[in-house]
Protein backbone atom coordinates (compact mmCIF):
# COMPACT_ATOMS: atom_id res chain seq x y z
CA MET A 1 -3.91 -17.60 -122.25
CA ARG A 2 -7.66 -17.78 -122.04
CA SER A 3 -10.43 -19.91 -123.72
CA ILE A 4 -12.52 -17.88 -126.15
CA ALA A 5 -15.58 -20.14 -125.33
CA THR A 6 -15.45 -19.83 -121.59
CA GLY A 7 -13.15 -16.86 -120.81
CA GLU A 8 -11.31 -19.21 -118.46
CA THR A 9 -7.48 -18.85 -118.01
CA VAL A 10 -5.98 -22.03 -119.42
CA ASP A 11 -2.39 -21.31 -119.49
CA GLN A 12 -0.26 -18.90 -117.39
CA GLY A 13 2.15 -17.98 -120.05
CA ILE A 14 5.84 -18.56 -121.08
CA ASP A 15 8.95 -16.61 -119.98
CA ASN A 16 11.69 -15.23 -122.36
CA ALA A 17 9.52 -15.71 -125.31
CA SER A 18 9.37 -13.39 -128.36
CA SER A 19 5.94 -12.32 -129.94
CA ASP A 20 6.26 -14.87 -132.61
CA LEU A 21 3.95 -17.81 -132.48
CA VAL A 22 2.09 -20.28 -134.50
CA PHE A 23 -0.72 -22.63 -133.45
CA ALA A 24 -0.81 -26.29 -134.42
CA ALA A 25 -3.81 -27.22 -136.48
CA ASP A 26 -5.76 -28.63 -133.43
CA SER A 27 -5.10 -25.31 -131.45
CA ASP A 28 -3.98 -27.32 -128.38
CA ALA A 29 -0.33 -26.64 -129.02
CA LEU A 30 1.62 -23.65 -130.33
CA PHE A 31 5.13 -23.03 -131.62
CA TYR A 32 7.00 -20.12 -130.06
CA VAL A 33 10.42 -18.61 -130.21
CA ARG A 34 12.57 -18.35 -127.07
CA ASN A 35 14.97 -15.60 -126.40
CA GLU A 36 18.37 -15.59 -124.64
CA PRO A 37 17.79 -13.74 -121.41
CA THR A 38 20.88 -11.36 -121.72
CA THR A 39 21.34 -10.75 -125.50
CA LEU A 40 17.54 -11.29 -126.38
CA ARG A 41 18.72 -13.23 -129.35
CA CYS A 42 15.96 -15.35 -130.58
CA HIS A 43 17.62 -18.85 -130.70
CA GLN A 44 15.07 -21.55 -130.15
CA VAL A 45 11.69 -22.84 -131.37
CA ARG A 46 9.75 -24.97 -129.01
CA LEU A 47 6.30 -26.69 -129.04
CA HIS A 48 4.08 -25.90 -126.08
CA ARG A 49 1.06 -27.86 -125.07
CA LEU A 50 -1.60 -25.74 -123.53
CA GLY A 51 -1.82 -26.24 -119.85
CA THR A 52 1.47 -27.95 -119.43
CA ASN A 53 4.71 -26.70 -117.70
CA PRO A 54 6.76 -24.69 -120.25
CA ASN A 55 9.87 -26.22 -118.77
CA SER A 56 8.89 -29.54 -120.48
CA ASP A 57 8.13 -27.91 -123.89
CA LEU A 58 9.59 -29.84 -126.84
CA LEU A 59 12.58 -28.30 -128.56
CA ILE A 60 11.90 -28.09 -132.24
CA TYR A 61 15.04 -26.18 -133.41
CA GLU A 62 18.07 -24.38 -131.73
CA GLU A 63 20.44 -22.08 -133.60
CA SER A 64 23.90 -22.15 -132.04
CA ASP A 65 25.72 -19.61 -134.31
CA THR A 66 25.28 -16.32 -132.41
CA THR A 67 25.33 -14.36 -135.48
CA PHE A 68 21.92 -15.70 -136.50
CA SER A 69 18.47 -15.31 -134.96
CA VAL A 70 15.31 -17.26 -135.37
CA SER A 71 11.64 -16.25 -136.30
CA ILE A 72 8.49 -18.26 -137.02
CA GLY A 73 5.42 -17.60 -139.13
CA LEU A 74 2.42 -19.44 -140.58
CA SER A 75 2.18 -19.83 -144.35
CA LYS A 76 -0.58 -18.23 -146.22
CA SER A 77 -2.03 -21.62 -147.10
CA ARG A 78 -2.19 -22.23 -143.47
CA LYS A 79 -0.41 -25.54 -143.90
CA PHE A 80 3.06 -24.96 -142.70
CA ALA A 81 4.94 -23.34 -139.85
CA LEU A 82 7.84 -21.54 -141.46
CA VAL A 83 11.04 -21.03 -139.48
CA ASN A 84 13.25 -18.27 -140.59
CA ILE A 85 16.99 -18.57 -139.48
CA SER A 86 18.85 -15.39 -140.63
CA GLU A 87 21.61 -12.77 -140.06
CA GLU A 88 22.11 -9.60 -142.08
CA ARG A 89 23.36 -11.19 -145.20
CA THR A 90 22.40 -14.89 -145.10
CA SER A 91 19.14 -16.80 -144.34
CA GLU A 92 17.82 -20.28 -144.28
CA PHE A 93 14.11 -21.57 -143.92
CA ARG A 94 12.71 -24.70 -142.64
CA TYR A 95 9.20 -25.93 -142.61
CA LEU A 96 6.72 -28.45 -140.95
CA PRO A 97 3.03 -29.05 -141.42
CA ILE A 98 0.99 -27.66 -138.57
CA GLU A 99 -1.20 -30.71 -138.73
CA GLN A 100 1.93 -32.86 -137.66
CA PRO A 101 3.55 -30.55 -135.09
CA THR A 102 6.17 -33.14 -134.10
CA ALA A 103 7.15 -33.99 -137.62
CA GLU A 104 10.66 -33.37 -139.13
CA LEU A 105 11.59 -29.71 -139.64
CA LYS A 106 12.65 -29.79 -143.27
CA VAL A 107 15.16 -27.30 -144.88
CA ILE A 108 14.07 -25.44 -148.00
CA GLU A 109 17.58 -24.53 -149.04
CA PRO A 110 20.66 -24.81 -146.87
CA ARG A 111 22.25 -21.59 -145.86
CA ARG A 112 24.96 -20.15 -148.09
CA ARG A 113 26.89 -17.05 -147.00
CA GLY A 114 25.63 -14.05 -148.92
CA VAL A 115 22.30 -15.74 -150.07
CA ILE A 116 19.05 -14.33 -148.54
CA TYR A 117 15.65 -15.75 -149.17
CA GLU A 118 12.06 -15.50 -147.78
CA VAL A 119 9.40 -18.07 -148.27
CA ASP A 120 5.66 -18.41 -148.36
CA HIS A 121 3.42 -21.27 -149.41
CA VAL A 122 0.14 -21.18 -151.43
CA GLY A 123 -1.75 -24.00 -153.14
CA ASP A 124 0.88 -26.71 -153.87
CA GLN A 125 3.91 -24.62 -154.28
CA PHE A 126 6.43 -22.55 -152.38
CA PHE A 127 7.21 -18.93 -153.36
CA ILE A 128 10.62 -17.70 -152.75
CA HIS A 129 11.93 -14.07 -152.68
CA THR A 130 15.62 -14.30 -153.16
CA ASN A 131 18.93 -12.47 -153.93
CA LEU A 132 20.40 -15.70 -155.39
CA ASP A 133 22.07 -14.53 -158.77
CA ALA A 134 20.00 -11.32 -158.48
CA PRO A 135 21.41 -8.61 -156.03
CA ASP A 136 18.13 -6.60 -156.28
CA PHE A 137 16.11 -9.72 -155.71
CA ARG A 138 13.60 -11.73 -157.78
CA LEU A 139 10.67 -13.86 -157.16
CA MET A 140 10.77 -17.70 -157.71
CA SER A 141 8.54 -20.69 -157.23
CA ALA A 142 9.16 -24.42 -156.42
CA PRO A 143 6.99 -27.46 -156.07
CA GLN A 144 6.04 -28.33 -152.60
CA ALA A 145 7.54 -31.81 -152.94
CA THR A 146 10.98 -30.44 -154.04
CA PRO A 147 11.48 -26.95 -152.67
CA ALA A 148 15.31 -26.83 -152.88
CA ALA A 149 17.06 -24.13 -155.09
CA LEU A 150 17.66 -26.64 -157.84
CA HIS A 151 13.94 -26.59 -158.58
CA TRP A 152 13.33 -22.93 -158.29
CA ARG A 153 11.59 -21.32 -161.30
CA GLU A 154 11.65 -17.59 -161.88
CA ILE A 155 8.42 -15.87 -161.74
CA VAL A 156 9.45 -12.05 -161.54
CA PRO A 157 12.94 -11.24 -162.68
CA GLU A 158 15.24 -8.80 -161.06
CA GLN A 159 15.17 -5.31 -162.13
CA PRO A 160 18.79 -3.76 -161.67
CA GLY A 161 18.69 -0.61 -159.46
CA ARG A 162 15.14 -1.36 -158.42
CA TYR A 163 14.81 -3.33 -155.19
CA LEU A 164 12.12 -6.00 -155.00
CA SER A 165 11.35 -5.69 -151.37
CA HIS A 166 8.20 -7.63 -150.67
CA PHE A 167 5.84 -10.10 -152.30
CA GLU A 168 2.28 -11.36 -151.64
CA ALA A 169 1.29 -14.74 -153.40
CA PHE A 170 -2.25 -15.85 -154.14
CA GLU A 171 -3.63 -18.99 -156.10
CA THR A 172 -4.19 -16.77 -159.24
CA PHE A 173 -1.76 -14.02 -158.98
CA VAL A 174 1.40 -12.57 -157.20
CA ALA A 175 2.09 -9.01 -156.27
CA VAL A 176 5.56 -7.55 -155.66
CA ASP A 177 6.58 -4.09 -154.12
CA VAL A 178 9.44 -2.48 -155.94
CA GLU A 179 11.43 0.37 -154.57
CA ASP A 180 13.23 3.01 -156.59
CA GLU A 181 14.17 6.69 -155.68
CA SER A 182 10.76 8.03 -156.32
CA GLY A 183 9.31 5.64 -153.79
CA THR A 184 7.65 2.23 -154.06
CA MET A 185 5.32 0.82 -156.86
CA ILE A 186 3.38 -2.41 -157.03
CA ARG A 187 3.63 -4.95 -159.89
CA VAL A 188 0.88 -7.61 -160.30
CA PHE A 189 1.40 -10.82 -162.34
CA THR A 190 -1.29 -13.43 -163.33
CA LEU A 191 -0.86 -17.15 -162.42
CA PRO A 192 0.30 -19.31 -164.11
CA GLU A 193 0.45 -17.12 -167.28
CA LEU A 194 2.66 -14.54 -165.69
CA ARG A 195 0.86 -11.83 -167.53
CA GLU A 196 1.42 -8.34 -165.91
CA ILE A 197 -1.60 -6.33 -164.91
CA PRO A 198 -0.62 -2.60 -164.55
CA VAL A 199 -1.51 -1.13 -161.09
CA PRO A 200 -2.46 2.55 -161.33
CA ARG A 201 -0.16 4.66 -159.00
CA PRO A 202 -2.06 7.52 -157.24
CA ALA A 203 0.86 9.86 -157.74
CA ALA A 204 4.38 9.98 -159.25
CA ILE A 205 6.19 10.31 -155.97
CA GLY A 206 5.19 8.28 -152.96
CA VAL A 207 5.10 4.78 -151.34
CA ALA A 208 2.60 2.02 -152.49
CA SER A 209 2.70 -1.11 -150.38
CA SER A 210 0.98 -4.50 -150.30
CA SER A 211 2.48 -5.51 -147.07
CA SER A 212 -0.03 -5.92 -144.15
CA VAL A 213 -0.38 -2.83 -142.28
CA ASP A 214 -3.49 -4.14 -140.72
CA SER A 215 -3.48 -7.93 -139.80
CA GLU A 216 -6.42 -8.83 -141.91
CA ALA A 217 -5.14 -7.82 -145.35
CA ASN A 218 -4.06 -10.13 -148.02
CA LEU A 219 -4.50 -13.27 -146.04
CA ASP A 220 -7.03 -15.25 -148.26
CA PRO A 221 -4.91 -17.20 -150.72
CA THR A 222 -8.17 -17.44 -152.93
CA ALA A 223 -8.72 -13.65 -153.24
CA THR A 224 -8.78 -11.88 -156.62
CA VAL A 225 -8.47 -8.39 -154.82
CA LEU A 226 -5.22 -7.01 -153.58
CA ARG A 227 -5.43 -4.62 -150.56
CA LEU A 228 -2.70 -1.99 -150.87
CA HIS A 229 -1.72 1.26 -149.20
CA PHE A 230 -0.32 4.49 -150.61
CA SER A 231 1.00 7.81 -149.17
CA ASN A 232 3.38 10.56 -149.81
CA PRO A 233 4.55 13.65 -147.84
CA LEU A 234 1.38 15.49 -148.96
CA GLU A 235 -1.10 12.39 -149.26
CA PRO A 236 -2.10 10.83 -145.89
CA GLN A 237 -2.32 7.08 -145.97
CA CYS A 238 -5.04 5.75 -148.38
CA VAL A 239 -6.19 2.21 -148.45
CA TYR A 240 -7.19 0.79 -152.00
CA ASP A 241 -8.47 -2.43 -153.28
CA PHE A 242 -6.93 -3.45 -156.67
CA ASP A 243 -9.32 -6.00 -158.52
CA VAL A 244 -7.12 -8.21 -160.61
CA THR A 245 -9.92 -9.45 -162.76
CA THR A 246 -11.06 -5.94 -163.88
CA ALA A 247 -7.77 -3.84 -163.19
CA ALA A 248 -9.91 -1.40 -161.16
CA LEU A 249 -8.43 0.59 -158.29
CA THR A 250 -10.91 1.47 -155.53
CA LEU A 251 -10.40 3.84 -152.70
CA ARG A 252 -11.66 2.18 -149.48
CA LYS A 253 -10.32 4.42 -146.68
CA GLN A 254 -8.36 7.71 -146.10
CA ASP A 255 -6.47 8.98 -143.10
CA PRO A 256 -8.53 11.56 -141.32
CA ALA A 257 -5.59 14.06 -141.84
CA ILE A 258 -6.89 14.33 -145.46
CA ARG A 259 -9.43 16.94 -143.99
CA TRP A 260 -6.72 19.32 -143.15
CA VAL A 261 -4.03 18.75 -145.60
CA ASP A 262 -4.80 21.08 -148.60
CA ARG A 263 -2.16 19.90 -151.06
CA SER A 264 -2.77 22.96 -153.23
CA HIS A 265 -0.98 24.93 -150.33
CA TYR A 266 2.38 23.02 -150.67
CA VAL A 267 5.00 22.04 -153.12
CA LEU A 268 6.39 18.41 -153.27
CA ASP A 269 9.38 17.91 -155.48
CA GLN A 270 12.49 15.84 -155.93
CA LEU A 271 15.99 16.95 -156.71
CA SER A 272 19.51 15.44 -156.25
CA ALA A 273 22.94 16.31 -154.75
CA ILE A 274 26.32 15.11 -156.07
CA ALA A 275 28.27 13.34 -153.40
CA PRO A 276 32.37 13.66 -153.33
CA ASP A 277 32.64 10.50 -155.34
CA GLY A 278 30.32 11.70 -158.15
CA GLU A 279 27.18 9.65 -156.95
CA ARG A 280 23.86 11.32 -157.30
CA VAL A 281 22.05 11.37 -154.12
CA PRO A 282 18.09 11.74 -154.18
CA ILE A 283 16.37 14.41 -152.04
CA THR A 284 12.65 14.71 -151.46
CA ILE A 285 11.51 18.27 -150.43
CA VAL A 286 8.32 19.75 -149.14
CA TYR A 287 7.55 23.44 -148.51
CA ARG A 288 4.61 25.87 -148.30
CA ARG A 289 3.63 27.50 -151.45
CA GLY A 290 4.21 31.33 -151.43
CA MET A 291 6.58 31.05 -148.43
CA ARG A 292 10.03 30.74 -150.16
CA HIS A 293 12.39 33.37 -148.99
CA PRO A 294 14.99 34.91 -151.40
CA ARG A 295 17.90 33.98 -149.16
CA GLY A 296 16.66 30.57 -148.42
CA ASN A 297 14.44 29.24 -145.57
CA PRO A 298 14.98 27.30 -142.33
CA THR A 299 15.31 23.70 -143.28
CA LEU A 300 14.93 20.49 -141.57
CA ILE A 301 16.71 17.58 -143.19
CA VAL A 302 16.12 13.89 -142.04
CA GLY A 303 18.15 11.00 -142.79
CA TYR A 304 18.84 7.36 -141.79
CA GLY A 305 20.86 5.18 -144.19
CA ALA A 306 21.51 1.76 -142.51
CA TYR A 307 20.21 -1.96 -142.63
CA GLY A 308 18.87 -1.41 -146.16
CA PHE A 309 15.93 0.49 -144.91
CA SER A 310 14.86 3.22 -147.08
CA LEU A 311 13.68 6.50 -145.74
CA ARG A 312 10.58 6.53 -147.74
CA ALA A 313 8.74 9.59 -149.07
CA SER A 314 5.50 8.85 -147.10
CA PHE A 315 3.20 10.96 -145.06
CA SER A 316 4.09 12.09 -141.62
CA TYR A 317 2.26 14.77 -139.31
CA SER A 318 5.26 15.92 -137.51
CA PRO A 319 6.82 18.31 -140.12
CA PHE A 320 3.69 20.35 -140.84
CA PRO A 321 4.11 22.68 -137.75
CA LEU A 322 7.43 23.41 -139.40
CA ILE A 323 6.44 23.63 -142.88
CA ASP A 324 3.53 25.96 -142.10
CA ARG A 325 5.92 28.36 -140.41
CA GLY A 326 8.27 28.56 -143.57
CA PHE A 327 10.53 25.59 -143.03
CA VAL A 328 11.62 23.50 -146.03
CA TYR A 329 11.40 19.87 -145.09
CA ALA A 330 13.88 17.48 -146.72
CA ILE A 331 14.39 13.71 -146.88
CA ALA A 332 18.03 12.73 -147.63
CA HIS A 333 17.97 9.45 -149.46
CA VAL A 334 21.57 8.63 -148.34
CA ARG A 335 23.38 5.49 -149.13
CA GLY A 336 22.69 2.59 -146.59
CA GLY A 337 19.03 2.37 -147.66
CA HIS A 338 17.61 0.60 -150.80
CA GLU A 339 16.37 3.71 -152.70
CA LYS A 340 18.57 2.95 -155.64
CA GLY A 341 18.94 -0.88 -155.16
CA GLU A 342 21.20 -3.40 -153.37
CA ARG A 343 24.17 -1.41 -154.53
CA TRP A 344 22.82 1.69 -152.67
CA TYR A 345 22.70 -0.36 -149.44
CA ALA A 346 26.09 -2.02 -150.07
CA GLU A 347 27.87 1.41 -150.41
CA GLY A 348 26.60 2.61 -147.08
CA ARG A 349 27.67 -0.28 -144.85
CA MET A 350 30.69 -1.84 -143.37
CA LEU A 351 33.85 -0.26 -144.89
CA ASN A 352 31.69 1.98 -146.89
CA LYS A 353 29.80 3.57 -144.11
CA ARG A 354 31.31 7.07 -144.44
CA ASN A 355 29.54 7.44 -147.73
CA THR A 356 26.31 7.83 -145.57
CA PHE A 357 27.67 10.96 -143.88
CA THR A 358 29.16 12.51 -146.95
CA ASP A 359 26.01 12.02 -148.85
CA PHE A 360 24.10 13.85 -146.12
CA ILE A 361 26.58 16.70 -146.15
CA ALA A 362 26.25 16.93 -149.92
CA VAL A 363 22.47 17.14 -149.53
CA THR A 364 22.72 20.08 -147.18
CA GLU A 365 25.30 21.86 -149.43
CA THR A 366 23.07 21.44 -152.54
CA LEU A 367 19.89 22.79 -150.60
CA ILE A 368 21.92 25.89 -149.75
CA ALA A 369 23.37 26.31 -153.31
CA LYS A 370 19.95 26.03 -154.86
CA GLY A 371 18.46 28.63 -152.55
CA TYR A 372 16.17 26.42 -150.59
CA SER A 373 17.92 26.67 -147.30
CA HIS A 374 19.46 29.71 -145.30
CA PRO A 375 22.93 28.63 -144.41
CA ARG A 376 22.40 29.80 -140.82
CA ALA A 377 19.09 27.97 -140.30
CA ILE A 378 19.77 24.31 -141.29
CA PHE A 379 18.71 21.47 -138.87
CA ALA A 380 19.30 17.66 -139.16
CA GLN A 381 17.37 14.98 -137.49
CA GLY A 382 17.87 11.20 -137.24
CA GLY A 383 17.17 8.32 -134.75
CA SER A 384 18.89 5.08 -133.71
CA ALA A 385 21.25 4.34 -136.78
CA GLY A 386 20.18 7.65 -137.99
CA GLY A 387 21.41 9.07 -134.68
CA LEU A 388 24.79 7.65 -135.51
CA LEU A 389 24.55 9.69 -138.63
CA MET A 390 23.85 12.82 -136.66
CA GLY A 391 26.81 12.23 -134.35
CA ALA A 392 29.09 11.73 -137.42
CA LEU A 393 27.67 15.11 -138.90
CA ALA A 394 28.51 16.91 -135.75
CA ASN A 395 31.90 15.85 -135.80
CA LEU A 396 32.61 16.25 -139.45
CA ARG A 397 30.77 19.53 -140.37
CA PRO A 398 29.61 21.17 -137.09
CA ASP A 399 29.71 24.53 -138.90
CA LEU A 400 26.91 23.37 -141.38
CA TYR A 401 24.12 22.98 -138.90
CA THR A 402 22.28 25.42 -136.62
CA GLY A 403 21.00 22.42 -134.52
CA ILE A 404 20.88 18.65 -134.60
CA VAL A 405 18.32 16.26 -133.19
CA ALA A 406 19.76 12.88 -132.23
CA GLU A 407 16.95 10.47 -131.09
CA VAL A 408 18.10 7.28 -129.21
CA PRO A 409 21.54 7.63 -131.14
CA PHE A 410 23.81 4.73 -131.67
CA VAL A 411 26.91 6.82 -130.97
CA ASP A 412 29.38 4.46 -129.13
CA ILE A 413 29.63 1.96 -131.79
CA VAL A 414 33.12 0.66 -131.08
CA THR A 415 32.28 -0.21 -127.37
CA THR A 416 28.92 -1.66 -128.12
CA MET A 417 30.05 -3.83 -131.06
CA SER A 418 33.04 -5.15 -128.87
CA ASP A 419 30.38 -6.38 -126.37
CA ALA A 420 29.16 -9.79 -127.73
CA GLY A 421 26.97 -9.99 -124.57
CA ALA A 422 25.01 -6.90 -125.53
CA PRO A 423 21.70 -7.27 -127.54
CA LEU A 424 22.06 -7.17 -131.25
CA THR A 425 25.91 -7.09 -131.34
CA THR A 426 26.69 -10.44 -132.87
CA LEU A 427 23.70 -10.05 -135.19
CA GLU A 428 25.02 -6.91 -136.61
CA TYR A 429 28.75 -7.70 -137.48
CA ASN A 430 27.67 -7.73 -141.18
CA GLU A 431 26.27 -4.14 -140.82
CA TRP A 432 28.94 -2.32 -138.90
CA GLY A 433 31.90 -4.66 -138.65
CA ASN A 434 33.43 -6.96 -136.07
CA PRO A 435 36.08 -5.17 -133.73
CA ALA A 436 37.98 -8.47 -133.45
CA VAL A 437 38.88 -7.76 -137.08
CA LYS A 438 41.56 -5.01 -137.00
CA ARG A 439 40.67 -3.50 -140.36
CA GLU A 440 37.07 -3.24 -139.34
CA TYR A 441 37.86 -1.98 -135.86
CA ASP A 442 40.24 0.67 -137.30
CA TYR A 443 37.37 1.85 -139.74
CA MET A 444 34.73 2.05 -137.09
CA LEU A 445 36.97 4.10 -135.04
CA THR A 446 37.46 6.76 -137.84
CA TYR A 447 33.80 7.66 -137.67
CA SER A 448 32.37 6.65 -134.19
CA PRO A 449 30.58 9.69 -132.84
CA TYR A 450 31.81 9.15 -129.27
CA ASP A 451 35.40 8.60 -130.08
CA ASN A 452 35.76 11.55 -132.43
CA VAL A 453 34.36 14.22 -130.17
CA ALA A 454 37.00 17.12 -130.16
CA ARG A 455 37.69 20.52 -128.75
CA LYS A 456 35.75 22.74 -131.04
CA ASP A 457 32.37 24.43 -131.44
CA TYR A 458 29.34 22.20 -131.95
CA PRO A 459 25.78 23.26 -133.02
CA ALA A 460 22.82 23.19 -130.66
CA MET A 461 21.79 19.67 -129.97
CA PHE A 462 18.69 17.84 -128.67
CA VAL A 463 19.46 14.31 -127.70
CA THR A 464 16.94 11.78 -126.42
CA ALA A 465 17.46 8.32 -124.58
CA GLY A 466 14.97 5.67 -123.47
CA PHE A 467 15.67 4.14 -120.02
CA TYR A 468 14.26 0.78 -121.16
CA ASP A 469 15.77 0.74 -124.66
CA SER A 470 17.24 -2.63 -125.35
CA GLN A 471 18.53 -1.73 -128.75
CA VAL A 472 20.56 1.50 -127.90
CA SER A 473 21.33 1.62 -124.23
CA TYR A 474 20.50 4.91 -122.60
CA ALA A 475 24.23 4.79 -121.59
CA GLU A 476 25.30 5.64 -125.09
CA PRO A 477 23.69 8.98 -125.59
CA ALA A 478 24.46 9.90 -121.85
CA LYS A 479 28.11 9.31 -122.11
CA TRP A 480 28.28 11.00 -125.42
CA VAL A 481 26.57 14.13 -124.10
CA ALA A 482 28.78 14.12 -121.15
CA LYS A 483 31.98 14.10 -123.26
CA LEU A 484 30.57 16.79 -125.45
CA ARG A 485 29.89 18.91 -122.44
CA ALA A 486 33.40 18.51 -121.16
CA THR A 487 35.03 18.98 -124.53
CA LYS A 488 33.19 21.49 -126.73
CA THR A 489 34.02 25.14 -126.83
CA ASP A 490 30.82 26.73 -127.52
CA THR A 491 27.84 27.75 -125.44
CA HIS A 492 25.07 26.37 -127.51
CA ASP A 493 22.25 24.24 -126.08
CA LEU A 494 23.10 20.62 -125.43
CA MET A 495 19.99 19.00 -124.11
CA LEU A 496 19.78 15.37 -122.99
CA LYS A 497 16.32 14.10 -122.29
CA THR A 498 15.90 10.64 -120.96
CA GLU A 499 12.41 9.13 -121.11
CA MET A 500 12.36 7.13 -117.82
CA THR A 501 9.30 4.85 -118.98
CA ALA A 502 10.30 4.67 -122.67
CA GLY A 503 12.01 1.97 -124.84
CA HIS A 504 13.57 2.33 -128.22
CA ASP A 505 10.37 3.63 -129.97
CA GLY A 506 9.82 6.48 -127.47
CA ARG A 507 6.92 7.20 -125.36
CA SER A 508 3.89 4.99 -125.33
CA GLY A 509 0.21 5.80 -124.94
CA ARG A 510 -2.25 7.63 -127.19
CA LEU A 511 -0.55 10.97 -126.98
CA GLY A 512 3.00 9.93 -126.15
CA SER A 513 4.44 10.22 -129.50
CA ILE A 514 2.58 13.36 -130.19
CA GLU A 515 3.91 15.13 -127.07
CA GLN A 516 7.48 14.01 -127.87
CA SER A 517 7.16 15.24 -131.43
CA ALA A 518 5.81 18.45 -130.18
CA GLU A 519 8.86 18.99 -127.91
CA ILE A 520 11.24 18.50 -130.71
CA MET A 521 9.38 20.78 -133.12
CA GLY A 522 9.05 23.48 -130.52
CA TRP A 523 12.76 23.24 -130.02
CA LEU A 524 13.62 23.51 -133.73
CA ILE A 525 11.29 26.67 -134.02
CA ALA A 526 12.80 28.32 -131.14
CA HIS A 527 16.35 27.82 -132.41
CA ALA A 528 15.43 29.06 -135.69
CA ARG A 529 14.05 32.31 -134.26
CA ASP A 530 16.71 32.74 -131.69
CA GLY A 531 17.66 36.28 -132.77
CA ARG A 532 20.57 35.38 -134.99
CA LEU A 533 18.48 35.61 -138.23
CA PRO A 534 16.73 38.92 -138.31
CA ASP A 535 16.03 38.58 -142.08
CA MET A 536 13.97 35.32 -141.46
CA ALA A 537 11.38 36.86 -139.24
CA SER A 538 8.77 36.71 -142.16
CA ALA A 539 9.72 33.16 -143.02
CA ILE A 540 9.53 31.75 -139.51
CA SER A 541 5.86 32.90 -138.78
CA ARG A 542 2.72 31.46 -137.40
CA PRO A 543 0.60 29.40 -139.96
């Protein structure tokens, strides 16, 4: 750590610390979170005085339950350090004033199994985003002096089927991000009147977000302007300011990609598939206008479906080399995300996990039936938990796909979730299950990609791993590929590429992700033009 005034190094640093930190009001001390060395679980909050030995740092809080982790942040009022103690389905917040860094760490509301809440502070009140009596979440407020749930007052009510994912609180208004199957919209309410001010949406399909993509956005509690971002698959990210006093939306910045993305050349649409249990699964598709082939086009379908993370219909550079060569690009909004509310997530986790896989298969079959996809040129792509989805598809319906791209795939789920000493394992029992519980172990075993490899034909596969990946060990894709090679009966490509300097998010550096994406896109194009599809020559062409 260096002094801004002098440039002098005043502190040599702290080992086994996360990136979370909050300075005390005097800037001579800071709160930080310490990780367990092996599991990397964040379990302690400590107070460090600059220039002192970290071994003597004051312990502020320690979480002994290995299914919970700890994080810390600064309230928007810049008055409180907020400590979040959470696992997948339960959370608890504690707070202390940064002007009194050794004061008592007080609890907002004691943890209750299944109750999730997040907290910020503005003015003289706390704002609470919670699922208490509201599965799709609502926004509450409470006096600073009495912040327990008994005193929570509803500001923005729950909308069943629409997930309230994020909030920003200010002195004179609040803004919330609300997800549905068409994307994400922003709602703004004045304080204290709670009068809604409609926020214009730049397009019917897309993602609007008030969360801080850049660190300087929406930090001033006295602001009357909300900084927001919007994009969709044909709209590179745009930055807007929404003036709450005039209801004017002003464009401030556009991604440079706007110069080469001519939206008139493409079609963006939404349709749906019907899953085996009758559920309607949303699909977002993009294709080049005038390049639809009568027998269907090569198609890349991407999916994720885990942790409640929605696979949003936002802009990405990587599909355009495919789209401009005649591919249909499809996003499968399968269960496990929040595209249709908390129910959508609940039906894609734990003992409902197989819904994620059958949803994706239904999406694939629908795209074929509606003439968008050629049945002999369909590719699937997913990473991490989405890589688990890819591995399950390969076992369940290998006949349906020409190729599968599985990036850092979580494919040996039973072994990993049985190792309590591995990073993330104990934190994710409520996502995948605990193998120590027989019913959960038996269910995981029915779909675990590694455990269900069988002697049969598989599609061509491009599998990646990161040598320094702490979330999905490189050993998982490596042993999966080894088992596939020893077992499968086909002669299709089975490529494993291990990035020897990469972690979970792939290559670093200015061009790292671009190079990695180009390799995958090149592999997809090559396999769509491998000679088995002579009638597709006109569709798979150079742009």
